[in-house]
């Protein structure tokens, strides 16, 4: 294996990261639309893509180490180290492009993850507040020892979600 194989591997990893961006955006659309019914499916798909990304990352680490050793760098080299040790020719530019694209995708993923987390926290807080308002109020006793509980008010729930 060599530089060509690593480059092909990086292309596959970039495609997986783009798929992850898509899945996170899909999850965000469900959150903003209030379609919590489908959220579990979207979350499962995100987890499946993340598992594939982890596998690709491990394979990339092994391949980067092999190429780094071939190019005279340390075994625990990163892709950035490979770029710096690339011999004269196109490989330095090719790997710089991969590194830039992977960095941009990682930033997009982080931003989407943070935004989705905010939506989920907000939804959880809203649900907790709604549930807290459903608890009956504590009543008081009148002069005859009877609890003066007011009858429960009518409540409507939207079950279309």
C-alpha atoms as a PDB file:
ATOM      1  CA  UNK A   1       0.000   0.000   0.000  1.00  0.00           C
ATOM      2  CA  UNK A   2       1.110   3.545  -0.549  1.00  0.00           C
ATOM      3  CA  UNK A   3       0.074   7.085  -1.244  1.00  0.00           C
ATOM      4  CA  UNK A   4      -2.530   6.097  -3.839  1.00  0.00           C
ATOM      5  CA  UNK A   5      -4.262   3.712  -1.442  1.00  0.00           C
ATOM      6  CA  UNK A   6      -4.265   6.299   1.336  1.00  0.00           C
ATOM      7  CA  UNK A   7      -5.754   8.882  -1.004  1.00  0.00           C
ATOM      8  CA  UNK A   8      -8.529   6.476  -2.040  1.00  0.00           C
ATOM      9  CA  UNK A   9      -9.181   5.719   1.626  1.00  0.00           C
ATOM     10  CA  UNK A  10      -9.403   9.438   2.407  1.00  0.00           C
ATOM     11  CA  UNK A  11     -11.936   9.917  -0.393  1.00  0.00           C
ATOM     12  CA  UNK A  12     -14.123   7.188   1.135  1.00  0.00           C
ATOM     13  CA  UNK A  13     -13.799   8.779   4.570  1.00  0.00           C
ATOM     14  CA  UNK A  14     -14.785  12.166   3.152  1.00  0.00           C
ATOM     15  CA  UNK A  15     -17.868  10.603   1.558  1.00  0.00           C
ATOM     16  CA  UNK A  16     -18.813   9.061   4.902  1.00  0.00           C
ATOM     17  CA  UNK A  17     -18.386  12.408   6.663  1.00  0.00           C
ATOM     18  CA  UNK A  18     -20.563  14.089   4.040  1.00  0.00           C
ATOM     19  CA  UNK A  19     -23.188  11.400   4.653  1.00  0.00           C
ATOM     20  CA  UNK A  20     -22.929  12.137   8.378  1.00  0.00           C
ATOM     21  CA  UNK A  21     -23.487  15.858   7.698  1.00  0.00           C
ATOM     22  CA  UNK A  22     -26.571  14.918   5.676  1.00  0.00           C
ATOM     23  CA  UNK A  23     -27.919  12.656   8.440  1.00  0.00           C
ATOM     24  CA  UNK A  24     -27.340  15.335  11.095  1.00  0.00           C
ATOM     25  CA  UNK A  25     -29.117  17.928   8.937  1.00  0.00           C
ATOM     26  CA  UNK A  26     -31.956  15.460   8.435  1.00  0.00           C
ATOM     27  CA  UNK A  27     -32.162  14.993  12.207  1.00  0.00           C
ATOM     28  CA  UNK A  28     -32.164  18.780  12.657  1.00  0.00           C
ATOM     29  CA  UNK A  29     -35.033  19.169  10.195  1.00  0.00           C
ATOM     30  CA  UNK A  30     -37.066  16.636  12.156  1.00  0.00           C
ATOM     31  CA  UNK A  31     -36.303  18.475  15.394  1.00  0.00           C
ATOM     32  CA  UNK A  32     -37.263  21.891  14.028  1.00  0.00           C
ATOM     33  CA  UNK A  33     -40.434  20.514  12.430  1.00  0.00           C
ATOM     34  CA  UNK A  34     -41.461  18.846  15.678  1.00  0.00           C
ATOM     35  CA  UNK A  35     -41.609  15.430  14.016  1.00  0.00           C
ATOM     36  CA  UNK A  36     -40.374  13.537  17.056  1.00  0.00           C
ATOM     37  CA  UNK A  37     -42.068  10.380  15.778  1.00  0.00           C
ATOM     38  CA  UNK A  38     -39.212   9.838  13.283  1.00  0.00           C
ATOM     39  CA  UNK A  39     -36.393  11.085  15.476  1.00  0.00           C
ATOM     40  CA  UNK A  40     -35.414   7.628  16.715  1.00  0.00           C
ATOM     41  CA  UNK A  41     -34.922   6.436  13.134  1.00  0.00           C
ATOM     42  CA  UNK A  42     -32.795   9.444  12.240  1.00  0.00           C
ATOM     43  CA  UNK A  43     -30.700   8.999  15.377  1.00  0.00           C
ATOM     44  CA  UNK A  44     -30.148   5.314  14.577  1.00  0.00           C
ATOM     45  CA  UNK A  45     -28.982   6.255  11.079  1.00  0.00           C
ATOM     46  CA  UNK A  46     -26.549   8.821  12.524  1.00  0.00           C
ATOM     47  CA  UNK A  47     -25.157   6.142  14.847  1.00  0.00           C
ATOM     48  CA  UNK A  48     -24.742   3.706  11.956  1.00  0.00           C
ATOM     49  CA  UNK A  49     -22.812   6.258   9.914  1.00  0.00           C
ATOM     50  CA  UNK A  50     -20.697   7.140  12.970  1.00  0.00           C
ATOM     51  CA  UNK A  51     -19.736   3.479  13.339  1.00  0.00           C
ATOM     52  CA  UNK A  52     -18.621   3.382   9.698  1.00  0.00           C
ATOM     53  CA  UNK A  53     -16.673   6.629  10.196  1.00  0.00           C
ATOM     54  CA  UNK A  54     -14.885   5.123  13.229  1.00  0.00           C
ATOM     55  CA  UNK A  55     -13.893   2.057  11.202  1.00  0.00           C
ATOM     56  CA  UNK A  56     -12.649   4.251   8.352  1.00  0.00           C
ATOM     57  CA  UNK A  57     -10.699   6.404  10.818  1.00  0.00           C
ATOM     58  CA  UNK A  58      -8.973   3.359  12.262  1.00  0.00           C
ATOM     59  CA  UNK A  59      -8.062   2.081   8.799  1.00  0.00           C
ATOM     60  CA  UNK A  60      -6.776   5.554   7.881  1.00  0.00           C
ATOM     61  CA  UNK A  61      -4.583   5.660  10.998  1.00  0.00           C
ATOM     62  CA  UNK A  62      -2.970   2.358  10.041  1.00  0.00           C
ATOM     63  CA  UNK A  63      -2.429   3.463   6.450  1.00  0.00           C
ATOM     64  CA  UNK A  64      -1.027   6.863   7.488  1.00  0.00           C
ATOM     65  CA  UNK A  65       1.443   5.114   9.821  1.00  0.00           C
ATOM     66  CA  UNK A  66       2.600   2.824   7.011  1.00  0.00           C
ATOM     67  CA  UNK A  67       3.032   5.691   4.550  1.00  0.00           C
ATOM     68  CA  UNK A  68       4.747   7.859   7.168  1.00  0.00           C
ATOM     69  CA  UNK A  69       7.281   5.106   7.801  1.00  0.00           C
ATOM     70  CA  UNK A  70       7.809   4.789   4.044  1.00  0.00           C
ATOM     71  CA  UNK A  71       8.400   8.555   3.746  1.00  0.00           C
ATOM     72  CA  UNK A  72      10.700   8.723   6.772  1.00  0.00           C
ATOM     73  CA  UNK A  73       8.353  10.094   9.399  1.00  0.00           C
ATOM     74  CA  UNK A  74       7.418   8.781  12.855  1.00  0.00           C
ATOM     75  CA  UNK A  75       5.105   5.758  13.103  1.00  0.00           C
ATOM     76  CA  UNK A  76       2.522   7.719  15.065  1.00  0.00           C
ATOM     77  CA  UNK A  77       2.398  10.419  12.391  1.00  0.00           C
ATOM     78  CA  UNK A  78      -0.788  12.274  11.562  1.00  0.00           C
ATOM     79  CA  UNK A  79      -2.077  13.211   8.152  1.00  0.00           C
ATOM     80  CA  UNK A  80      -0.590  16.662   8.731  1.00  0.00           C
ATOM     81  CA  UNK A  81       2.819  15.022   9.289  1.00  0.00           C
ATOM     82  CA  UNK A  82       2.416  13.064   6.055  1.00  0.00           C
ATOM     83  CA  UNK A  83       1.683  16.318   4.205  1.00  0.00           C
ATOM     84  CA  UNK A  84       4.873  17.850   5.609  1.00  0.00           C
ATOM     85  CA  UNK A  85       6.997  14.804   4.679  1.00  0.00           C
ATOM     86  CA  UNK A  86       5.495  14.314   1.230  1.00  0.00           C
ATOM     87  CA  UNK A  87       8.137  14.032  -1.491  1.00  0.00           C
ATOM     88  CA  UNK A  88       8.269  16.517  -4.329  1.00  0.00           C
ATOM     89  CA  UNK A  89       5.369  16.032  -6.667  1.00  0.00           C
ATOM     90  CA  UNK A  90       1.595  16.055  -6.445  1.00  0.00           C
ATOM     91  CA  UNK A  91       1.147  14.069  -3.222  1.00  0.00           C
ATOM     92  CA  UNK A  92       1.725  17.000  -0.880  1.00  0.00           C
ATOM     93  CA  UNK A  93      -0.980  18.992  -2.630  1.00  0.00           C
ATOM     94  CA  UNK A  94      -3.364  16.040  -2.800  1.00  0.00           C
ATOM     95  CA  UNK A  95      -3.044  15.265   0.900  1.00  0.00           C
ATOM     96  CA  UNK A  96      -3.318  18.975   1.773  1.00  0.00           C
ATOM     97  CA  UNK A  97      -6.651  19.016  -0.079  1.00  0.00           C
ATOM     98  CA  UNK A  98      -7.822  15.955   1.856  1.00  0.00           C
ATOM     99  CA  UNK A  99      -6.728  17.482   5.153  1.00  0.00           C
ATOM    100  CA  UNK A 100      -8.520  20.751   4.403  1.00  0.00           C
ATOM    101  CA  UNK A 101     -11.729  18.966   3.376  1.00  0.00           C
ATOM    102  CA  UNK A 102     -11.671  16.681   6.430  1.00  0.00           C
ATOM    103  CA  UNK A 103     -11.162  19.679   8.713  1.00  0.00           C
ATOM    104  CA  UNK A 104     -14.073  21.562   7.136  1.00  0.00           C
ATOM    105  CA  UNK A 105     -16.344  18.524   7.425  1.00  0.00           C
ATOM    106  CA  UNK A 106     -15.364  18.048  11.070  1.00  0.00           C
ATOM    107  CA  UNK A 107     -16.277  21.672  11.777  1.00  0.00           C
ATOM    108  CA  UNK A 108     -19.663  21.277  10.055  1.00  0.00           C
ATOM    109  CA  UNK A 109     -20.347  18.095  12.031  1.00  0.00           C
ATOM    110  CA  UNK A 110     -19.449  19.771  15.329  1.00  0.00           C
ATOM    111  CA  UNK A 111     -21.715  22.741  14.585  1.00  0.00           C
ATOM    112  CA  UNK A 112     -24.632  20.495  13.592  1.00  0.00           C
ATOM    113  CA  UNK A 113     -24.122  18.301  16.641  1.00  0.00           C
ATOM    114  CA  UNK A 114     -24.122  21.324  18.949  1.00  0.00           C
ATOM    115  CA  UNK A 115     -27.240  22.797  17.334  1.00  0.00           C
ATOM    116  CA  UNK A 116     -29.105  19.480  17.489  1.00  0.00           C
ATOM    117  CA  UNK A 117     -28.122  19.097  21.127  1.00  0.00           C
ATOM    118  CA  UNK A 118     -29.575  22.542  21.875  1.00  0.00           C
ATOM    119  CA  UNK A 119     -32.830  21.583  20.150  1.00  0.00           C
ATOM    120  CA  UNK A 120     -33.007  18.351  22.148  1.00  0.00           C
ATOM    121  CA  UNK A 121     -32.308  20.120  25.456  1.00  0.00           C
ATOM    122  CA  UNK A 122     -34.975  22.691  24.672  1.00  0.00           C
ATOM    123  CA  UNK A 123     -37.500  19.970  23.815  1.00  0.00           C
ATOM    124  CA  UNK A 124     -36.690  18.071  27.009  1.00  0.00           C
ATOM    125  CA  UNK A 125     -37.061  21.226  29.093  1.00  0.00           C
ATOM    126  CA  UNK A 126     -40.384  22.018  27.420  1.00  0.00           C
ATOM    127  CA  UNK A 127     -41.627  18.488  28.082  1.00  0.00           C
ATOM    128  CA  UNK A 128     -40.607  18.695  31.737  1.00  0.00           C
ATOM    129  CA  UNK A 129     -42.402  22.029  32.151  1.00  0.00           C
ATOM    130  CA  UNK A 130     -45.536  20.637  30.523  1.00  0.00           C
ATOM    131  CA  UNK A 131     -45.482  17.567  32.743  1.00  0.00           C
ATOM    132  CA  UNK A 132     -44.956  19.717  35.849  1.00  0.00           C
ATOM    133  CA  UNK A 133     -48.067  21.732  34.972  1.00  0.00           C
ATOM    134  CA  UNK A 134     -50.154  18.541  34.806  1.00  0.00           C
ATOM    135  CA  UNK A 135     -49.660  17.737  38.500  1.00  0.00           C
ATOM    136  CA  UNK A 136     -52.706  18.617  40.581  1.00  0.00           C
ATOM    137  CA  UNK A 137     -52.316  21.603  42.830  1.00  0.00           C
ATOM    138  CA  UNK A 138     -52.235  20.968  46.529  1.00  0.00           C
ATOM    139  CA  UNK A 139     -55.624  21.774  48.026  1.00  0.00           C
ATOM    140  CA  UNK A 140     -56.497  23.220  51.401  1.00  0.00           C
ATOM    141  CA  UNK A 141     -58.999  22.032  53.965  1.00  0.00           C
ATOM    142  CA  UNK A 142     -62.123  23.990  54.761  1.00  0.00           C
ATOM    143  CA  UNK A 143     -63.766  24.442  58.164  1.00  0.00           C
ATOM    144  CA  UNK A 144     -65.503  21.048  57.843  1.00  0.00           C
ATOM    145  CA  UNK A 145     -62.231  19.170  57.123  1.00  0.00           C
ATOM    146  CA  UNK A 146     -62.999  18.638  53.463  1.00  0.00           C
ATOM    147  CA  UNK A 147     -60.203  19.170  50.972  1.00  0.00           C
ATOM    148  CA  UNK A 148     -60.971  22.177  48.860  1.00  0.00           C
ATOM    149  CA  UNK A 149     -59.571  20.801  45.627  1.00  0.00           C
ATOM    150  CA  UNK A 150     -60.725  22.605  42.560  1.00  0.00           C
ATOM    151  CA  UNK A 151     -61.910  20.384  39.748  1.00  0.00           C
ATOM    152  CA  UNK A 152     -59.248  19.672  37.169  1.00  0.00           C
ATOM    153  CA  UNK A 153     -59.375  22.010  34.223  1.00  0.00           C
ATOM    154  CA  UNK A 154     -59.769  20.579  30.764  1.00  0.00           C
ATOM    155  CA  UNK A 155     -56.521  20.051  28.907  1.00  0.00           C
ATOM    156  CA  UNK A 156     -55.855  19.467  25.225  1.00  0.00           C
ATOM    157  CA  UNK A 157     -52.967  17.419  23.905  1.00  0.00           C
ATOM    158  CA  UNK A 158     -51.758  17.375  20.340  1.00  0.00           C
ATOM    159  CA  UNK A 159     -51.426  13.693  19.498  1.00  0.00           C
ATOM    160  CA  UNK A 160     -50.705  14.219  15.814  1.00  0.00           C
ATOM    161  CA  UNK A 161     -46.926  14.288  16.351  1.00  0.00           C
END
